[in-house]
Amino acid sequence: MVIEKADGNYSAYSPDLPGCVATGATREEAEERMREAIAFHLDGLREDGLPLPDPQAPAAYVAV
């Protein structure tokens, strides 16, 4: 999950789940809504009999 500060709120998305996005007034709210969006997205794929995507997006943290 990637969370970005936007103009007046926060937005979140998952590189491995195109179209799966969420927003929130705070970082915490955006993260919680994104967790819900991911669960909803994966449930929909299962219900439609579609395969769940394998994680493809690498991640790293860099301390400066």
C-alpha atoms as a PDB file:
ATOM      1  CA  MET A   1       0.000   0.000   0.000  1.00  0.00           C
ATOM      2  CA  VAL A   2       1.256   3.468  -0.874  1.00  0.00           C
ATOM      3  CA  ILE A   3      -0.099   6.439   1.069  1.00  0.00           C
ATOM      4  CA  GLU A   4       0.426   9.954  -0.258  1.00  0.00           C
ATOM      5  CA  LYS A   5      -0.405  13.322   1.232  1.00  0.00           C
ATOM      6  CA  ALA A   6      -2.709  15.173  -1.110  1.00  0.00           C
ATOM      7  CA  ASP A   7      -4.167  18.654  -0.992  1.00  0.00           C
ATOM      8  CA  GLY A   8      -6.254  18.529   2.202  1.00  0.00           C
ATOM      9  CA  ASN A   9      -6.370  14.735   2.636  1.00  0.00           C
ATOM     10  CA  TYR A  10      -4.462  11.490   2.088  1.00  0.00           C
ATOM     11  CA  SER A  11      -4.829   8.986  -0.717  1.00  0.00           C
ATOM     12  CA  ALA A  12      -3.775   5.352  -0.859  1.00  0.00           C
ATOM     13  CA  TYR A  13      -3.394   2.729  -3.568  1.00  0.00           C
ATOM     14  CA  SER A  14      -1.918  -0.704  -4.136  1.00  0.00           C
ATOM     15  CA  PRO A  15       0.438  -1.131  -7.108  1.00  0.00           C
ATOM     16  CA  ASP A  16      -0.508  -4.822  -7.268  1.00  0.00           C
ATOM     17  CA  LEU A  17      -4.262  -4.118  -7.409  1.00  0.00           C
ATOM     18  CA  PRO A  18      -4.938  -1.612 -10.199  1.00  0.00           C
ATOM     19  CA  GLY A  19      -8.031   0.475  -9.504  1.00  0.00           C
ATOM     20  CA  CYS A  20      -8.029  -0.299  -5.779  1.00  0.00           C
ATOM     21  CA  VAL A  21      -7.811   3.118  -4.102  1.00  0.00           C
ATOM     22  CA  ALA A  22      -9.001   4.930  -0.978  1.00  0.00           C
ATOM     23  CA  THR A  23      -8.833   8.353   0.636  1.00  0.00           C
ATOM     24  CA  GLY A  24      -9.073   9.727   4.155  1.00  0.00           C
ATOM     25  CA  ALA A  25      -8.835  12.953   6.098  1.00  0.00           C
ATOM     26  CA  THR A  26      -5.849  11.542   7.999  1.00  0.00           C
ATOM     27  CA  ARG A  27      -3.094   9.051   7.181  1.00  0.00           C
ATOM     28  CA  GLU A  28      -4.644   6.586   9.599  1.00  0.00           C
ATOM     29  CA  GLU A  29      -8.079   6.930   8.038  1.00  0.00           C
ATOM     30  CA  ALA A  30      -6.694   6.462   4.524  1.00  0.00           C
ATOM     31  CA  GLU A  31      -4.815   3.344   5.668  1.00  0.00           C
ATOM     32  CA  GLU A  32      -7.899   1.844   7.341  1.00  0.00           C
ATOM     33  CA  ARG A  33     -10.087   2.570   4.307  1.00  0.00           C
ATOM     34  CA  MET A  34      -7.438   1.049   2.044  1.00  0.00           C
ATOM     35  CA  ARG A  35      -7.371  -2.133   4.129  1.00  0.00           C
ATOM     36  CA  GLU A  36     -11.142  -2.339   3.661  1.00  0.00           C
ATOM     37  CA  ALA A  37     -10.813  -1.616  -0.072  1.00  0.00           C
ATOM     38  CA  ILE A  38      -8.211  -4.367  -0.509  1.00  0.00           C
ATOM     39  CA  ALA A  39     -10.401  -6.900   1.299  1.00  0.00           C
ATOM     40  CA  PHE A  40     -13.411  -5.871  -0.810  1.00  0.00           C
ATOM     41  CA  HIS A  41     -11.364  -6.056  -4.023  1.00  0.00           C
ATOM     42  CA  LEU A  42     -10.002  -9.533  -3.248  1.00  0.00           C
ATOM     43  CA  ASP A  43     -13.471 -10.786  -2.224  1.00  0.00           C
ATOM     44  CA  GLY A  44     -14.802  -9.574  -5.570  1.00  0.00           C
ATOM     45  CA  LEU A  45     -12.086 -11.399  -7.502  1.00  0.00           C
ATOM     46  CA  ARG A  46     -12.857 -14.606  -5.568  1.00  0.00           C
ATOM     47  CA  GLU A  47     -16.617 -14.263  -6.160  1.00  0.00           C
ATOM     48  CA  ASP A  48     -15.991 -13.810  -9.883  1.00  0.00           C
ATOM     49  CA  GLY A  49     -13.731 -16.869  -9.957  1.00  0.00           C
ATOM     50  CA  LEU A  50     -10.720 -14.802 -10.980  1.00  0.00           C
ATOM     51  CA  PRO A  51      -7.185 -15.517  -9.764  1.00  0.00           C
ATOM     52  CA  LEU A  52      -5.698 -13.375  -7.034  1.00  0.00           C
ATOM     53  CA  PRO A  53      -2.701 -11.433  -8.330  1.00  0.00           C
ATOM     54  CA  ASP A  54       0.763 -12.401  -7.148  1.00  0.00           C
ATOM     55  CA  PRO A  55       2.632  -9.508  -5.499  1.00  0.00           C
ATOM     56  CA  GLN A  56       4.927  -7.880  -8.059  1.00  0.00           C
ATOM     57  CA  ALA A  57       5.776  -4.454  -6.647  1.00  0.00           C
ATOM     58  CA  PRO A  58       9.020  -4.398  -4.661  1.00  0.00           C
ATOM     59  CA  ALA A  59       9.287  -2.011  -1.718  1.00  0.00           C
ATOM     60  CA  ALA A  60      12.141  -0.504   0.247  1.00  0.00           C
ATOM     61  CA  TYR A  61      12.593   2.114   2.949  1.00  0.00           C
ATOM     62  CA  VAL A  62      15.540   4.470   2.863  1.00  0.00           C
ATOM     63  CA  ALA A  63      16.636   6.450   5.915  1.00  0.00           C
ATOM     64  CA  VAL A  64      18.357   9.729   5.057  1.00  0.00           C
END
